[in-house]
C-alpha atoms as a PDB file:
ATOM      1  CA  GLN A   1      45.601  -3.575  71.112  1.00  0.00           C
ATOM      2  CA  VAL A   2      43.754  -6.024  73.110  1.00  0.00           C
ATOM      3  CA  GLN A   3      45.745  -6.414  76.974  1.00  0.00           C
ATOM      4  CA  LEU A   4      43.741  -8.708  79.948  1.00  0.00           C
ATOM      5  CA  VAL A   5      44.706  -7.943  83.888  1.00  0.00           C
ATOM      6  CA  GLU A   6      43.860 -10.158  86.136  1.00  0.00           C
ATOM      7  CA  SER A   7      43.650  -8.992  89.782  1.00  0.00           C
ATOM      8  CA  GLY A   8      43.000 -10.399  93.217  1.00  0.00           C
ATOM      9  CA  GLY A   9      45.269 -13.333  93.673  1.00  0.00           C
ATOM     10  CA  GLY A  10      47.071 -13.628  97.053  1.00  0.00           C
ATOM     11  CA  LEU A  11      48.213 -15.384 100.066  1.00  0.00           C
ATOM     12  CA  VAL A  12      45.248 -18.212 101.736  1.00  0.00           C
ATOM     13  CA  GLN A  13      44.951 -20.308 104.145  1.00  0.00           C
ATOM     14  CA  PRO A  14      43.381 -24.145 103.375  1.00  0.00           C
ATOM     15  CA  GLY A  15      39.420 -23.765 103.435  1.00  0.00           C
ATOM     16  CA  GLY A  16      39.440 -19.747 102.621  1.00  0.00           C
ATOM     17  CA  SER A  17      38.299 -18.441  99.795  1.00  0.00           C
ATOM     18  CA  LEU A  18      39.762 -16.002  96.712  1.00  0.00           C
ATOM     19  CA  ARG A  19      37.408 -14.514  94.147  1.00  0.00           C
ATOM     20  CA  LEU A  20      39.879 -13.328  90.735  1.00  0.00           C
ATOM     21  CA  SER A  21      38.619 -10.568  88.247  1.00  0.00           C
ATOM     22  CA  CYS A  22      39.839 -10.382  84.881  1.00  0.00           C
ATOM     23  CA  ALA A  23      39.082  -7.181  82.537  1.00  0.00           C
ATOM     24  CA  ALA A  24      39.318  -7.261  78.678  1.00  0.00           C
ATOM     25  CA  SER A  25      40.526  -3.485  77.523  1.00  0.00           C
ATOM     26  CA  GLY A  26      41.831  -2.145  73.779  1.00  0.00           C
ATOM     27  CA  SER A  27      39.848  -2.056  70.121  1.00  0.00           C
ATOM     28  CA  ILE A  28      37.502  -4.326  71.472  1.00  0.00           C
ATOM     29  CA  PHE A  29      34.552  -5.265  69.448  1.00  0.00           C
ATOM     30  CA  SER A  30      33.285  -8.642  70.800  1.00  0.00           C
ATOM     31  CA  ILE A  31      34.480 -11.127  72.941  1.00  0.00           C
ATOM     32  CA  SER A  32      33.466 -15.271  72.757  1.00  0.00           C
ATOM     33  CA  THR A  33      34.429 -17.371  75.354  1.00  0.00           C
ATOM     34  CA  MET A  34      36.266 -16.225  77.761  1.00  0.00           C
ATOM     35  CA  ALA A  35      38.154 -18.332  80.689  1.00  0.00           C
ATOM     36  CA  TRP A  36      40.316 -18.909  84.096  1.00  0.00           C
ATOM     37  CA  TYR A  37      43.813 -21.239  83.395  1.00  0.00           C
ATOM     38  CA  ARG A  38      46.559 -22.037  86.536  1.00  0.00           C
ATOM     39  CA  GLN A  39      49.578 -23.217  85.831  1.00  0.00           C
ATOM     40  CA  ALA A  40      50.706 -25.335  89.141  1.00  0.00           C
ATOM     41  CA  PRO A  41      54.921 -25.174  89.033  1.00  0.00           C
ATOM     42  CA  GLY A  42      56.372 -27.947  87.440  1.00  0.00           C
ATOM     43  CA  LYS A  43      53.279 -28.952  85.630  1.00  0.00           C
ATOM     44  CA  GLN A  44      51.515 -27.991  82.392  1.00  0.00           C
ATOM     45  CA  ARG A  45      49.074 -25.033  82.240  1.00  0.00           C
ATOM     46  CA  GLU A  46      45.469 -26.265  82.787  1.00  0.00           C
ATOM     47  CA  LEU A  47      42.308 -25.332  82.276  1.00  0.00           C
ATOM     48  CA  VAL A  48      39.521 -23.835  85.656  1.00  0.00           C
ATOM     49  CA  ALA A  49      36.327 -23.455  83.467  1.00  0.00           C
ATOM     50  CA  THR A  50      35.093 -21.196  81.145  1.00  0.00           C
ATOM     51  CA  THR A  51      32.308 -19.250  80.232  1.00  0.00           C
ATOM     52  CA  THR A  52      29.977 -18.458  76.761  1.00  0.00           C
ATOM     53  CA  SER A  53      28.528 -14.743  75.558  1.00  0.00           C
ATOM     54  CA  ILE A  54      25.571 -15.904  76.733  1.00  0.00           C
ATOM     55  CA  GLY A  55      26.281 -17.128  80.409  1.00  0.00           C
ATOM     56  CA  SER A  56      26.952 -20.965  79.958  1.00  0.00           C
ATOM     57  CA  THR A  57      29.497 -22.255  82.130  1.00  0.00           C
ATOM     58  CA  SER A  58      31.864 -25.434  82.811  1.00  0.00           C
ATOM     59  CA  TYR A  59      34.299 -26.785  84.742  1.00  0.00           C
ATOM     60  CA  ALA A  60      36.881 -28.874  85.931  1.00  0.00           C
ATOM     61  CA  GLY A  61      36.432 -31.842  87.877  1.00  0.00           C
ATOM     62  CA  SER A  62      38.934 -29.840  90.408  1.00  0.00           C
ATOM     63  CA  ALA A  63      36.988 -26.711  90.480  1.00  0.00           C
ATOM     64  CA  LYS A  64      33.577 -28.353  90.314  1.00  0.00           C
ATOM     65  CA  GLY A  65      31.620 -27.536  93.721  1.00  0.00           C
ATOM     66  CA  ARG A  66      34.036 -25.036  94.836  1.00  0.00           C
ATOM     67  CA  PHE A  67      34.634 -22.347  92.121  1.00  0.00           C
ATOM     68  CA  THR A  68      32.341 -19.995  90.354  1.00  0.00           C
ATOM     69  CA  ILE A  69      33.313 -17.815  87.109  1.00  0.00           C
ATOM     70  CA  SER A  70      30.698 -15.134  85.821  1.00  0.00           C
ATOM     71  CA  ARG A  71      31.120 -12.743  83.007  1.00  0.00           C
ATOM     72  CA  ASP A  72      30.003  -8.884  83.530  1.00  0.00           C
ATOM     73  CA  ASN A  73      29.844  -8.238  79.348  1.00  0.00           C
ATOM     74  CA  ALA A  74      29.205  -4.178  80.024  1.00  0.00           C
ATOM     75  CA  LYS A  75      32.377  -4.310  81.828  1.00  0.00           C
ATOM     76  CA  ASN A  76      34.066  -7.152  79.715  1.00  0.00           C
ATOM     77  CA  THR A  77      35.118  -8.301  83.146  1.00  0.00           C
ATOM     78  CA  VAL A  78      35.131 -12.246  84.026  1.00  0.00           C
ATOM     79  CA  TYR A  79      35.699 -13.233  87.465  1.00  0.00           C
ATOM     80  CA  LEU A  80      36.666 -16.406  89.465  1.00  0.00           C
ATOM     81  CA  GLN A  81      34.926 -17.212  93.171  1.00  0.00           C
ATOM     82  CA  MET A  82      37.158 -19.862  94.688  1.00  0.00           C
ATOM     83  CA  ASN A  83      35.689 -21.593  97.375  1.00  0.00           C
ATOM     84  CA  SER A  84      37.054 -24.293 100.288  1.00  0.00           C
ATOM     85  CA  LEU A  85      41.095 -23.570  99.032  1.00  0.00           C
ATOM     86  CA  LYS A  86      43.206 -25.960  99.122  1.00  0.00           C
ATOM     87  CA  PRO A  87      47.430 -25.724  99.051  1.00  0.00           C
ATOM     88  CA  GLU A  88      46.969 -27.983  95.783  1.00  0.00           C
ATOM     89  CA  ASP A  89      44.902 -25.444  94.265  1.00  0.00           C
ATOM     90  CA  THR A  90      48.006 -23.296  94.584  1.00  0.00           C
ATOM     91  CA  ALA A  91      49.438 -21.656  91.138  1.00  0.00           C
ATOM     92  CA  VAL A  92      49.597 -18.585  88.367  1.00  0.00           C
ATOM     93  CA  TYR A  93      46.468 -18.365  87.382  1.00  0.00           C
ATOM     94  CA  TYR A  94      46.160 -16.806  84.387  1.00  0.00           C
ATOM     95  CA  CYS A  95      42.166 -15.141  82.443  1.00  0.00           C
ATOM     96  CA  TYR A  96      41.709 -16.109  78.329  1.00  0.00           C
ATOM     97  CA  ALA A  97      39.789 -14.490  76.018  1.00  0.00           C
ATOM     98  CA  GLU A  98      38.000 -14.887  72.585  1.00  0.00           C
ATOM     99  CA  VAL A  99      37.971 -11.646  71.129  1.00  0.00           C
ATOM    100  CA  ARG A 100      37.003 -10.049  67.360  1.00  0.00           C
ATOM    101  CA  PRO A 101      38.091  -6.176  67.796  1.00  0.00           C
ATOM    102  CA  TYR A 102      37.172  -3.507  66.023  1.00  0.00           C
ATOM    103  CA  ARG A 103      40.627  -3.353  63.205  1.00  0.00           C
ATOM    104  CA  ASP A 104      39.531  -7.432  61.750  1.00  0.00           C
ATOM    105  CA  GLN A 105      35.601  -8.338  63.135  1.00  0.00           C
ATOM    106  CA  ASN A 106      35.526 -11.033  60.380  1.00  0.00           C
ATOM    107  CA  ARG A 107      37.772 -12.682  62.800  1.00  0.00           C
ATOM    108  CA  TRP A 108      38.762 -13.948  66.628  1.00  0.00           C
ATOM    109  CA  TYR A 109      41.726 -14.007  68.297  1.00  0.00           C
ATOM    110  CA  GLU A 110      42.914 -15.285  71.512  1.00  0.00           C
ATOM    111  CA  TYR A 111      44.797 -12.842  74.291  1.00  0.00           C
ATOM    112  CA  TRP A 112      46.260 -14.319  77.860  1.00  0.00           C
ATOM    113  CA  GLY A 113      47.015 -12.198  80.061  1.00  0.00           C
ATOM    114  CA  GLN A 114      49.850 -11.864  82.568  1.00  0.00           C
ATOM    115  CA  GLY A 115      48.903 -14.500  85.458  1.00  0.00           C
ATOM    116  CA  THR A 116      48.097 -13.760  89.219  1.00  0.00           C
ATOM    117  CA  GLN A 117      49.722 -15.991  92.032  1.00  0.00           C
ATOM    118  CA  VAL A 118      47.183 -17.994  94.433  1.00  0.00           C
ATOM    119  CA  THR A 119      49.008 -19.563  97.187  1.00  0.00           C
ATOM    120  CA  VAL A 120      47.303 -21.687  99.336  1.00  0.00           C
ATOM    121  CA  SER A 121      48.724 -22.180 102.802  1.00  0.00           C
ATOM    122  CA  SER A 122      48.935 -22.527 106.286  1.00  0.00           C
END
């Protein structure tokens, strides 16, 4: 089994910063894309940022210039550094990974974390 566990959410004032972490664990052969999504109350889940196994990154327009995604392949961990936070960034943030487990190395599986709440408010 593969698990994704997020941490680092919380309450922050507008203009502040937070760093989210997501560690993948279990019987992992390899990980391809890792990403962060978010879902605000009453809205659909949306992509925030992605990173590939070779370090390529992409961002949603709302995240460009403020958020930075990075990963540590040795630790199977992805990070999201969020700066200049705004109230509209308030959401539950979910980690996502495409994984090949040892039990089935020829197929990619999608995994999600349980989510971590980020609240931006004064």
